[in-house]
Structures are given as structure tokens and as C-alpha cells.
Amino acid sequence: MMRFPVSFIATSLAIVAFAGAAGARSQTPSSPAPSSSSQSSSTQSSSGQASSSQTAAGTPYLVVDPLANVRYDNRYDVSLGLAYDHMKAGPSLLQGSNLGGLNLEASYWLLKHWGIEGTGRAYVGTSGAGVNPYNIQGPFVSQYFFAAGPEWLGPHNKHGALIAHAMFGGVYGRFQQDLLGYPPSAFDFYPNQIAPAAIIGGHMDLNRSAHWVFRITPDAIMTHYSTNYAPKVSQFDVNFAISVGVEYKFKKKR
């Protein structure tokens, strides 16, 4: 019987074990490597998300100032407003009348602060009447003003301005239209007439854009009516008037 040395037997067993381990490794499936298309799609998705977040974070908030182009260098402007006027239809009438109407005004600017302004105003309403035998109460009366004069541009900035004016002209007062043909003396009324008038006041402007302005116009209105019946009276009356409306500034510059 042939005997093998112990070292030879140990070496043979080691070779057999190594061969078995190598065979097992070759039979274990390896995980597939990611394809280039999946890598590119994931890369594009991540880059798209990053760019969108950067765009949202970096988009500037655009602020538009509607008053940025407000200038006081226009040659013409025109305004129209709803108007109120208080008046007395007779020289000694205790009851006054509150009239409503329209106020149309236009300006022509000569210099930075000075211009010429004209106005046309119509006021209508009812008035109290003196004690009369005809039982007429609250007759309809009206006033129509036409005046012009200097205008001065006061403190101003892009938000608003204060403007003063003094206009002189005339007024047509209609007091007899609702008296049924009876004389105005029976109601302590003035007769229908054209009389001198003055309008002293100004504007409080609030700019809404380069051309459009919200305007408030308070005025003191002076009239010089007279009677044509005894006792003859000729007097100045001073009353309060106000209008609220809009102004438009034309583009032409002076």
C-alpha cells in the first residue's frame, strides 16, 4: 500500500475547496449596470428642477408707478365735476336754496405757475319762497355762470397740487319760471336777470396718472342781483359752492 505524505493530502484538499468556491461565484447573477438612458433622464430631471427653482427664486417683482410721468408742463387741461351751490333767490328771503348741477372748466397755461382759466356752471333746484296768497311753495330756480380769470399753481408734487383762481364774469338767474306768471315781488324773489359775478377759490388735485386727476373745487361765489320793483334793492350775495370731478391734462407741452 502506497503512502502519501500529509503535506500532499492537505495541498490537494485546498485546491478542491478553491475550485468549488470559484464555481459558486460564477453561478451568482450580477446586478445589471444602469443604462446610459436612465442616467441621462435622471440627470435632466434633477437639472430641470434646479433650474425651475432658480428661476422662481430669481424672478424680479416688477413695480409700476402710475405717477412716474406726472409733469406740470402741459399747455391745456379740462375738468368736469358734479357741483353744489347754495344761494338765496331774493334780497330778504330767509329760506335759502341748495342747487345741484355741473361745473365745466378749462385752463390754458402760460408759464410754470400762471395760466388763464374759464368756467361754465349750471345749477338747478328748488327754493323757499316768501309767504304769498298763491300757495306756491318750493318753486324751481336756476343759475348759469360764465367767468374767466387768472390761475396760479401752488405747492405740487407727483401726488397732487393746490391751485388758486379768481374768475370774473356774469350769471343768468332764472327765478320766475315756476311762479305761474305772478310777480316775483309776491314771493320776495329777484326777477330774471343777468348780473355780475365773481368766483374765488381753487382746486385740490389728486393725480391718478400722468393725464387723469381727481379734483375737488371749493369756491366762494359772489353775485350782484337787483330788484326792479319798490323798494329797489341791489346787493352782493356771497355763497358757498363746491364741485367734485375729474381733470384731463392734454399731452401738448408749453
C-alpha atoms as a PDB file:
ATOM      1  CA  MET A   1       0.000   0.000   0.000  1.00  0.00           C
ATOM      2  CA  MET A   2       1.385   3.304  -1.136  1.00  0.00           C
ATOM      3  CA  ARG A   3       1.522   6.050   1.466  1.00  0.00           C
ATOM      4  CA  PHE A   4       1.217   9.796   0.594  1.00  0.00           C
ATOM      5  CA  PRO A   5       2.778  12.402   2.688  1.00  0.00           C
ATOM      6  CA  VAL A   6       0.442  14.528   4.820  1.00  0.00           C
ATOM      7  CA  SER A   7       1.502  17.751   3.078  1.00  0.00           C
ATOM      8  CA  PHE A   8       0.413  16.382  -0.287  1.00  0.00           C
ATOM      9  CA  ILE A   9      -3.049  15.479   1.012  1.00  0.00           C
ATOM     10  CA  ALA A  10      -3.541  18.947   2.581  1.00  0.00           C
ATOM     11  CA  THR A  11      -2.498  20.637  -0.634  1.00  0.00           C
ATOM     12  CA  SER A  12      -4.965  18.588  -2.684  1.00  0.00           C
ATOM     13  CA  LEU A  13      -7.883  19.440  -0.337  1.00  0.00           C
ATOM     14  CA  ALA A  14      -7.086  23.154  -0.562  1.00  0.00           C
ATOM     15  CA  ILE A  15      -7.144  23.037  -4.383  1.00  0.00           C
ATOM     16  CA  VAL A  16     -10.529  21.283  -4.408  1.00  0.00           C
ATOM     17  CA  ALA A  17     -12.059  23.842  -1.990  1.00  0.00           C
ATOM     18  CA  PHE A  18     -10.783  26.797  -4.036  1.00  0.00           C
ATOM     19  CA  ALA A  19     -12.250  25.315  -7.245  1.00  0.00           C
ATOM     20  CA  GLY A  20     -15.683  24.861  -5.622  1.00  0.00           C
ATOM     21  CA  ALA A  21     -15.759  28.414  -4.371  1.00  0.00           C
ATOM     22  CA  ALA A  22     -14.879  29.767  -7.808  1.00  0.00           C
ATOM     23  CA  GLY A  23     -17.690  27.746  -9.402  1.00  0.00           C
ATOM     24  CA  ALA A  24     -20.259  29.132  -6.919  1.00  0.00           C
ATOM     25  CA  ARG A  25     -19.163  32.705  -7.646  1.00  0.00           C
ATOM     26  CA  SER A  26     -19.586  32.264 -11.356  1.00  0.00           C
ATOM     27  CA  GLN A  27     -23.197  30.984 -10.919  1.00  0.00           C
ATOM     28  CA  THR A  28     -24.371  34.028  -8.739  1.00  0.00           C
ATOM     29  CA  PRO A  29     -26.186  36.588 -11.035  1.00  0.00           C
ATOM     30  CA  SER A  30     -24.657  40.042 -11.062  1.00  0.00           C
ATOM     31  CA  SER A  31     -26.878  43.170 -10.745  1.00  0.00           C
ATOM     32  CA  PRO A  32     -27.300  44.927 -14.113  1.00  0.00           C
ATOM     33  CA  ALA A  33     -25.445  48.201 -14.571  1.00  0.00           C
ATOM     34  CA  PRO A  34     -27.648  51.272 -15.066  1.00  0.00           C
ATOM     35  CA  SER A  35     -28.182  52.167 -18.675  1.00  0.00           C
ATOM     36  CA  SER A  36     -26.979  55.426 -20.106  1.00  0.00           C
ATOM     37  CA  SER A  37     -30.555  56.489 -20.998  1.00  0.00           C
ATOM     38  CA  SER A  38     -31.799  56.177 -17.405  1.00  0.00           C
ATOM     39  CA  GLN A  39     -28.760  58.057 -16.172  1.00  0.00           C
ATOM     40  CA  SER A  40     -29.383  60.911 -18.635  1.00  0.00           C
ATOM     41  CA  SER A  41     -33.130  61.134 -17.780  1.00  0.00           C
ATOM     42  CA  SER A  42     -32.468  61.341 -14.066  1.00  0.00           C
ATOM     43  CA  THR A  43     -29.765  63.926 -14.712  1.00  0.00           C
ATOM     44  CA  GLN A  44     -32.133  66.025 -16.847  1.00  0.00           C
ATOM     45  CA  SER A  45     -34.925  65.771 -14.231  1.00  0.00           C
ATOM     46  CA  SER A  46     -32.694  66.947 -11.427  1.00  0.00           C
ATOM     47  CA  SER A  47     -31.227  69.752 -13.549  1.00  0.00           C
ATOM     48  CA  GLY A  48     -34.769  70.860 -14.614  1.00  0.00           C
ATOM     49  CA  GLN A  49     -35.928  71.024 -11.024  1.00  0.00           C
ATOM     50  CA  ALA A  50     -32.861  73.029 -10.067  1.00  0.00           C
ATOM     51  CA  SER A  51     -33.320  75.492 -12.946  1.00  0.00           C
ATOM     52  CA  SER A  52     -37.036  75.983 -12.193  1.00  0.00           C
ATOM     53  CA  SER A  53     -36.331  76.652  -8.539  1.00  0.00           C
ATOM     54  CA  GLN A  54     -33.596  79.098  -9.512  1.00  0.00           C
ATOM     55  CA  THR A  55     -35.975  80.865 -11.944  1.00  0.00           C
ATOM     56  CA  ALA A  56     -38.734  81.149  -9.327  1.00  0.00           C
ATOM     57  CA  ALA A  57     -36.305  82.434  -6.758  1.00  0.00           C
ATOM     58  CA  GLY A  58     -34.606  84.841  -9.148  1.00  0.00           C
ATOM     59  CA  THR A  59     -37.659  86.352 -10.930  1.00  0.00           C
ATOM     60  CA  PRO A  60     -37.751  90.104 -10.046  1.00  0.00           C
ATOM     61  CA  TYR A  61     -41.023  91.679  -8.793  1.00  0.00           C
ATOM     62  CA  LEU A  62     -41.842  94.412 -11.324  1.00  0.00           C
ATOM     63  CA  VAL A  63     -43.239  97.551  -9.661  1.00  0.00           C
ATOM     64  CA  VAL A  64     -45.042 100.049 -11.923  1.00  0.00           C
ATOM     65  CA  ASP A  65     -45.511 103.593 -10.599  1.00  0.00           C
ATOM     66  CA  PRO A  66     -48.549 105.203 -12.323  1.00  0.00           C
ATOM     67  CA  LEU A  67     -47.351 108.631 -11.181  1.00  0.00           C
ATOM     68  CA  ALA A  68     -43.814 108.323 -12.544  1.00  0.00           C
ATOM     69  CA  ASN A  69     -44.591 110.524 -15.575  1.00  0.00           C
ATOM     70  CA  VAL A  70     -46.592 113.216 -13.784  1.00  0.00           C
ATOM     71  CA  ARG A  71     -45.409 116.590 -15.050  1.00  0.00           C
ATOM     72  CA  TYR A  72     -46.770 120.084 -14.698  1.00  0.00           C
ATOM     73  CA  ASP A  73     -45.740 121.204 -18.168  1.00  0.00           C
ATOM     74  CA  ASN A  74     -48.999 120.660 -20.092  1.00  0.00           C
ATOM     75  CA  ARG A  75     -50.438 123.523 -22.111  1.00  0.00           C
ATOM     76  CA  TYR A  76     -54.128 122.655 -21.792  1.00  0.00           C
ATOM     77  CA  ASP A  77     -56.377 120.860 -19.346  1.00  0.00           C
ATOM     78  CA  VAL A  78     -60.118 120.457 -18.910  1.00  0.00           C
ATOM     79  CA  SER A  79     -62.223 119.275 -15.970  1.00  0.00           C
ATOM     80  CA  LEU A  80     -65.834 118.308 -15.357  1.00  0.00           C
ATOM     81  CA  GLY A  81     -67.478 117.792 -11.989  1.00  0.00           C
ATOM     82  CA  LEU A  82     -70.752 117.384 -10.170  1.00  0.00           C
ATOM     83  CA  ALA A  83     -71.491 120.695  -8.488  1.00  0.00           C
ATOM     84  CA  TYR A  84     -73.337 122.114  -5.495  1.00  0.00           C
ATOM     85  CA  ASP A  85     -74.264 125.742  -4.834  1.00  0.00           C
ATOM     86  CA  HIS A  86     -76.119 127.474  -2.033  1.00  0.00           C
ATOM     87  CA  MET A  87     -77.986 130.667  -2.861  1.00  0.00           C
ATOM     88  CA  LYS A  88     -80.872 132.951  -1.926  1.00  0.00           C
ATOM     89  CA  ALA A  89     -83.408 133.758  -4.608  1.00  0.00           C
ATOM     90  CA  GLY A  90     -84.461 137.052  -3.047  1.00  0.00           C
ATOM     91  CA  PRO A  91     -82.904 140.041  -1.254  1.00  0.00           C
ATOM     92  CA  SER A  92     -84.571 139.394   2.131  1.00  0.00           C
ATOM     93  CA  LEU A  93     -85.641 135.790   1.721  1.00  0.00           C
ATOM     94  CA  LEU A  94     -84.961 133.781   4.869  1.00  0.00           C
ATOM     95  CA  GLN A  95     -85.054 130.373   3.210  1.00  0.00           C
ATOM     96  CA  GLY A  96     -82.096 129.537   1.022  1.00  0.00           C
ATOM     97  CA  SER A  97     -81.890 127.009  -1.752  1.00  0.00           C
ATOM     98  CA  ASN A  98     -79.480 124.143  -2.331  1.00  0.00           C
ATOM     99  CA  LEU A  99     -78.806 123.695  -6.025  1.00  0.00           C
ATOM    100  CA  GLY A 100     -77.036 120.932  -7.908  1.00  0.00           C
ATOM    101  CA  GLY A 101     -75.520 120.853 -11.366  1.00  0.00           C
ATOM    102  CA  LEU A 102     -72.332 120.655 -13.399  1.00  0.00           C
ATOM    103  CA  ASN A 103     -69.079 122.579 -13.429  1.00  0.00           C
ATOM    104  CA  LEU A 104     -67.043 122.630 -16.662  1.00  0.00           C
ATOM    105  CA  GLU A 105     -63.624 124.311 -16.570  1.00  0.00           C
ATOM    106  CA  ALA A 106     -60.678 124.668 -18.938  1.00  0.00           C
ATOM    107  CA  SER A 107     -57.180 126.087 -18.451  1.00  0.00           C
ATOM    108  CA  TYR A 108     -54.503 127.488 -20.742  1.00  0.00           C
ATOM    109  CA  TRP A 109     -51.102 127.626 -19.037  1.00  0.00           C
ATOM    110  CA  LEU A 110     -48.811 130.482 -19.999  1.00  0.00           C
ATOM    111  CA  LEU A 111     -45.954 129.880 -17.555  1.00  0.00           C
ATOM    112  CA  LYS A 112     -44.925 127.286 -14.987  1.00  0.00           C
ATOM    113  CA  HIS A 113     -47.195 128.745 -12.297  1.00  0.00           C
ATOM    114  CA  TRP A 114     -49.579 131.035 -14.178  1.00  0.00           C
ATOM    115  CA  GLY A 115     -52.430 130.367 -16.532  1.00  0.00           C
ATOM    116  CA  ILE A 116     -55.880 131.520 -17.649  1.00  0.00           C
ATOM    117  CA  GLU A 117     -58.945 129.577 -16.568  1.00  0.00           C
ATOM    118  CA  GLY A 118     -62.541 129.727 -17.750  1.00  0.00           C
ATOM    119  CA  THR A 119     -65.643 128.136 -16.263  1.00  0.00           C
ATOM    120  CA  GLY A 120     -69.222 127.439 -17.244  1.00  0.00           C
ATOM    121  CA  ARG A 121     -71.557 126.287 -14.479  1.00  0.00           C
ATOM    122  CA  ALA A 122     -75.215 125.358 -14.299  1.00  0.00           C
ATOM    123  CA  TYR A 123     -77.080 124.985 -11.002  1.00  0.00           C
ATOM    124  CA  VAL A 124     -80.748 124.000 -10.690  1.00  0.00           C
ATOM    125  CA  GLY A 125     -83.082 123.201  -7.799  1.00  0.00           C
ATOM    126  CA  THR A 126     -85.963 124.451  -5.692  1.00  0.00           C
ATOM    127  CA  SER A 127     -86.063 127.407  -3.344  1.00  0.00           C
ATOM    128  CA  GLY A 128     -88.014 128.516  -0.354  1.00  0.00           C
ATOM    129  CA  ALA A 129     -90.497 131.341  -1.028  1.00  0.00           C
ATOM    130  CA  GLY A 130     -91.956 134.169   0.992  1.00  0.00           C
ATOM    131  CA  VAL A 131     -95.486 133.968   2.314  1.00  0.00           C
ATOM    132  CA  ASN A 132     -97.781 134.511  -0.676  1.00  0.00           C
ATOM    133  CA  PRO A 133    -101.522 134.358  -1.418  1.00  0.00           C
ATOM    134  CA  TYR A 134    -100.996 131.898  -4.290  1.00  0.00           C
ATOM    135  CA  ASN A 135     -99.923 128.969  -2.114  1.00  0.00           C
ATOM    136  CA  ILE A 136     -96.793 128.420  -4.200  1.00  0.00           C
ATOM    137  CA  GLN A 137     -94.058 126.687  -2.227  1.00  0.00           C
ATOM    138  CA  GLY A 138     -90.660 125.451  -3.362  1.00  0.00           C
ATOM    139  CA  PRO A 139     -90.588 126.959  -6.855  1.00  0.00           C
ATOM    140  CA  PHE A 140     -87.915 125.871  -9.302  1.00  0.00           C
ATOM    141  CA  VAL A 141     -84.932 128.251  -9.774  1.00  0.00           C
ATOM    142  CA  SER A 142     -81.612 128.072 -11.638  1.00  0.00           C
ATOM    143  CA  GLN A 143     -78.305 129.902 -12.137  1.00  0.00           C
ATOM    144  CA  TYR A 144     -75.878 129.823 -15.096  1.00  0.00           C
ATOM    145  CA  PHE A 145     -72.359 131.195 -14.615  1.00  0.00           C
ATOM    146  CA  PHE A 146     -69.773 132.182 -17.216  1.00  0.00           C
ATOM    147  CA  ALA A 147     -66.468 133.555 -15.897  1.00  0.00           C
ATOM    148  CA  ALA A 148     -62.717 133.611 -16.549  1.00  0.00           C
ATOM    149  CA  GLY A 149     -59.581 134.850 -14.845  1.00  0.00           C
ATOM    150  CA  PRO A 150     -56.041 134.100 -13.666  1.00  0.00           C
ATOM    151  CA  GLU A 151     -54.992 130.760 -12.226  1.00  0.00           C
ATOM    152  CA  TRP A 152     -51.955 130.078 -10.034  1.00  0.00           C
ATOM    153  CA  LEU A 153     -50.256 126.713  -9.485  1.00  0.00           C
ATOM    154  CA  GLY A 154     -49.261 126.449  -5.835  1.00  0.00           C
ATOM    155  CA  PRO A 155     -47.500 123.648  -3.937  1.00  0.00           C
ATOM    156  CA  HIS A 156     -47.371 120.493  -6.011  1.00  0.00           C
ATOM    157  CA  ASN A 157     -45.630 117.156  -6.434  1.00  0.00           C
ATOM    158  CA  LYS A 158     -46.349 113.920  -8.277  1.00  0.00           C
ATOM    159  CA  HIS A 159     -49.170 113.070  -5.875  1.00  0.00           C
ATOM    160  CA  GLY A 160     -51.192 116.274  -6.075  1.00  0.00           C
ATOM    161  CA  ALA A 161     -51.378 120.040  -6.253  1.00  0.00           C
ATOM    162  CA  LEU A 162     -53.112 123.073  -4.806  1.00  0.00           C
ATOM    163  CA  ILE A 163     -54.318 125.624  -7.368  1.00  0.00           C
ATOM    164  CA  ALA A 164     -55.910 129.034  -6.755  1.00  0.00           C
ATOM    165  CA  HIS A 165     -58.100 131.019  -9.138  1.00  0.00           C
ATOM    166  CA  ALA A 166     -60.077 134.248  -9.297  1.00  0.00           C
ATOM    167  CA  MET A 167     -62.625 134.455 -12.113  1.00  0.00           C
ATOM    168  CA  PHE A 168     -64.962 137.264 -13.066  1.00  0.00           C
ATOM    169  CA  GLY A 169     -67.908 137.348 -15.400  1.00  0.00           C
ATOM    170  CA  GLY A 170     -71.685 137.097 -15.259  1.00  0.00           C
ATOM    171  CA  VAL A 171     -74.584 134.968 -14.112  1.00  0.00           C
ATOM    172  CA  TYR A 172     -78.024 134.461 -15.544  1.00  0.00           C
ATOM    173  CA  GLY A 173     -80.521 133.884 -12.765  1.00  0.00           C
ATOM    174  CA  ARG A 174     -83.934 132.395 -13.576  1.00  0.00           C
ATOM    175  CA  PHE A 175     -86.281 132.941 -10.662  1.00  0.00           C
ATOM    176  CA  GLN A 176     -89.712 133.386 -12.263  1.00  0.00           C
ATOM    177  CA  GLN A 177     -90.034 130.196 -14.300  1.00  0.00           C
ATOM    178  CA  ASP A 178     -92.174 128.436 -11.687  1.00  0.00           C
ATOM    179  CA  LEU A 179     -94.223 131.396 -10.399  1.00  0.00           C
ATOM    180  CA  LEU A 180     -97.143 130.821 -12.806  1.00  0.00           C
ATOM    181  CA  GLY A 181     -96.889 134.351 -14.169  1.00  0.00           C
ATOM    182  CA  TYR A 182     -97.220 136.078 -10.802  1.00  0.00           C
ATOM    183  CA  PRO A 183     -94.823 138.945  -9.993  1.00  0.00           C
ATOM    184  CA  PRO A 184     -91.596 137.987  -8.173  1.00  0.00           C
ATOM    185  CA  SER A 185     -92.293 140.649  -5.546  1.00  0.00           C
ATOM    186  CA  ALA A 186     -95.113 138.460  -4.189  1.00  0.00           C
ATOM    187  CA  PHE A 187     -92.548 135.801  -3.267  1.00  0.00           C
ATOM    188  CA  ASP A 188     -89.694 138.080  -2.246  1.00  0.00           C
ATOM    189  CA  PHE A 189     -87.783 136.866  -5.334  1.00  0.00           C
ATOM    190  CA  TYR A 190     -85.390 138.582  -7.676  1.00  0.00           C
ATOM    191  CA  PRO A 191     -86.685 138.936 -11.237  1.00  0.00           C
ATOM    192  CA  ASN A 192     -84.976 137.045 -14.038  1.00  0.00           C
ATOM    193  CA  GLN A 193     -81.749 138.864 -14.912  1.00  0.00           C
ATOM    194  CA  ILE A 194     -78.130 138.828 -15.981  1.00  0.00           C
ATOM    195  CA  ALA A 195     -75.869 140.109 -13.194  1.00  0.00           C
ATOM    196  CA  PRO A 196     -72.153 140.485 -12.453  1.00  0.00           C
ATOM    197  CA  ALA A 197     -70.494 137.550 -10.721  1.00  0.00           C
ATOM    198  CA  ALA A 198     -67.125 136.535  -9.300  1.00  0.00           C
ATOM    199  CA  ILE A 199     -65.776 133.120  -8.339  1.00  0.00           C
ATOM    200  CA  ILE A 200     -62.878 132.984  -5.864  1.00  0.00           C
ATOM    201  CA  GLY A 201     -61.416 129.667  -4.773  1.00  0.00           C
ATOM    202  CA  GLY A 202     -59.295 126.915  -6.231  1.00  0.00           C
ATOM    203  CA  HIS A 203     -58.658 123.241  -6.804  1.00  0.00           C
ATOM    204  CA  MET A 204     -57.362 120.393  -4.698  1.00  0.00           C
ATOM    205  CA  ASP A 205     -55.960 117.883  -7.189  1.00  0.00           C
ATOM    206  CA  LEU A 206     -55.047 114.248  -6.594  1.00  0.00           C
ATOM    207  CA  ASN A 207     -53.109 112.758  -9.505  1.00  0.00           C
ATOM    208  CA  ARG A 208     -54.175 109.288 -10.629  1.00  0.00           C
ATOM    209  CA  SER A 209     -51.901 109.103 -13.681  1.00  0.00           C
ATOM    210  CA  ALA A 210     -49.915 111.383 -15.959  1.00  0.00           C
ATOM    211  CA  HIS A 211     -53.165 112.638 -17.545  1.00  0.00           C
ATOM    212  CA  TRP A 212     -56.051 111.920 -15.166  1.00  0.00           C
ATOM    213  CA  VAL A 213     -56.654 113.845 -11.949  1.00  0.00           C
ATOM    214  CA  PHE A 214     -59.286 113.594  -9.233  1.00  0.00           C
ATOM    215  CA  ARG A 215     -60.356 117.180  -8.493  1.00  0.00           C
ATOM    216  CA  ILE A 216     -62.217 118.947  -5.680  1.00  0.00           C
ATOM    217  CA  THR A 217     -63.100 122.610  -6.282  1.00  0.00           C
ATOM    218  CA  PRO A 218     -64.378 124.712  -3.363  1.00  0.00           C
ATOM    219  CA  ASP A 219     -65.357 128.304  -4.183  1.00  0.00           C
ATOM    220  CA  ALA A 220     -66.933 131.436  -2.832  1.00  0.00           C
ATOM    221  CA  ILE A 221     -69.462 132.716  -5.399  1.00  0.00           C
ATOM    222  CA  MET A 222     -70.400 136.395  -5.386  1.00  0.00           C
ATOM    223  CA  THR A 223     -73.419 137.710  -7.293  1.00  0.00           C
ATOM    224  CA  HIS A 224     -74.873 141.218  -7.614  1.00  0.00           C
ATOM    225  CA  TYR A 225     -78.592 140.812  -8.221  1.00  0.00           C
ATOM    226  CA  SER A 226     -81.112 143.656  -8.019  1.00  0.00           C
ATOM    227  CA  THR A 227     -84.873 144.110  -7.939  1.00  0.00           C
ATOM    228  CA  ASN A 228     -86.971 146.108 -10.405  1.00  0.00           C
ATOM    229  CA  TYR A 229     -89.827 146.744  -8.006  1.00  0.00           C
ATOM    230  CA  ALA A 230     -90.142 149.010  -4.971  1.00  0.00           C
ATOM    231  CA  PRO A 231     -88.281 149.171  -2.779  1.00  0.00           C
ATOM    232  CA  LYS A 232     -85.490 148.737  -5.263  1.00  0.00           C
ATOM    233  CA  VAL A 233     -82.598 146.736  -3.857  1.00  0.00           C
ATOM    234  CA  SER A 234     -79.194 145.983  -5.345  1.00  0.00           C
ATOM    235  CA  GLN A 235     -76.906 143.857  -3.232  1.00  0.00           C
ATOM    236  CA  PHE A 236     -73.972 141.485  -3.242  1.00  0.00           C
ATOM    237  CA  ASP A 237     -74.616 137.933  -2.118  1.00  0.00           C
ATOM    238  CA  VAL A 238     -71.755 135.610  -1.195  1.00  0.00           C
ATOM    239  CA  ASN A 239     -72.462 131.876  -1.160  1.00  0.00           C
ATOM    240  CA  PHE A 240     -70.541 128.626  -0.958  1.00  0.00           C
ATOM    241  CA  ALA A 241     -70.105 126.252  -3.888  1.00  0.00           C
ATOM    242  CA  ILE A 242     -68.157 123.045  -4.409  1.00  0.00           C
ATOM    243  CA  SER A 243     -67.681 120.509  -7.179  1.00  0.00           C
ATOM    244  CA  VAL A 244     -66.093 117.056  -7.346  1.00  0.00           C
ATOM    245  CA  GLY A 245     -64.942 115.528 -10.608  1.00  0.00           C
ATOM    246  CA  VAL A 246     -62.054 114.651 -12.892  1.00  0.00           C
ATOM    247  CA  GLU A 247     -59.492 116.613 -14.872  1.00  0.00           C
ATOM    248  CA  TYR A 248     -57.681 115.571 -18.051  1.00  0.00           C
ATOM    249  CA  LYS A 249     -54.281 117.033 -18.979  1.00  0.00           C
ATOM    250  CA  PHE A 250     -53.522 117.134 -22.682  1.00  0.00           C
ATOM    251  CA  LYS A 251     -50.123 115.991 -23.950  1.00  0.00           C
ATOM    252  CA  LYS A 252     -49.013 119.213 -25.622  1.00  0.00           C
ATOM    253  CA  LYS A 253     -46.244 120.869 -23.609  1.00  0.00           C
ATOM    254  CA  ARG A 254     -45.636 124.559 -23.166  1.00  0.00           C
END
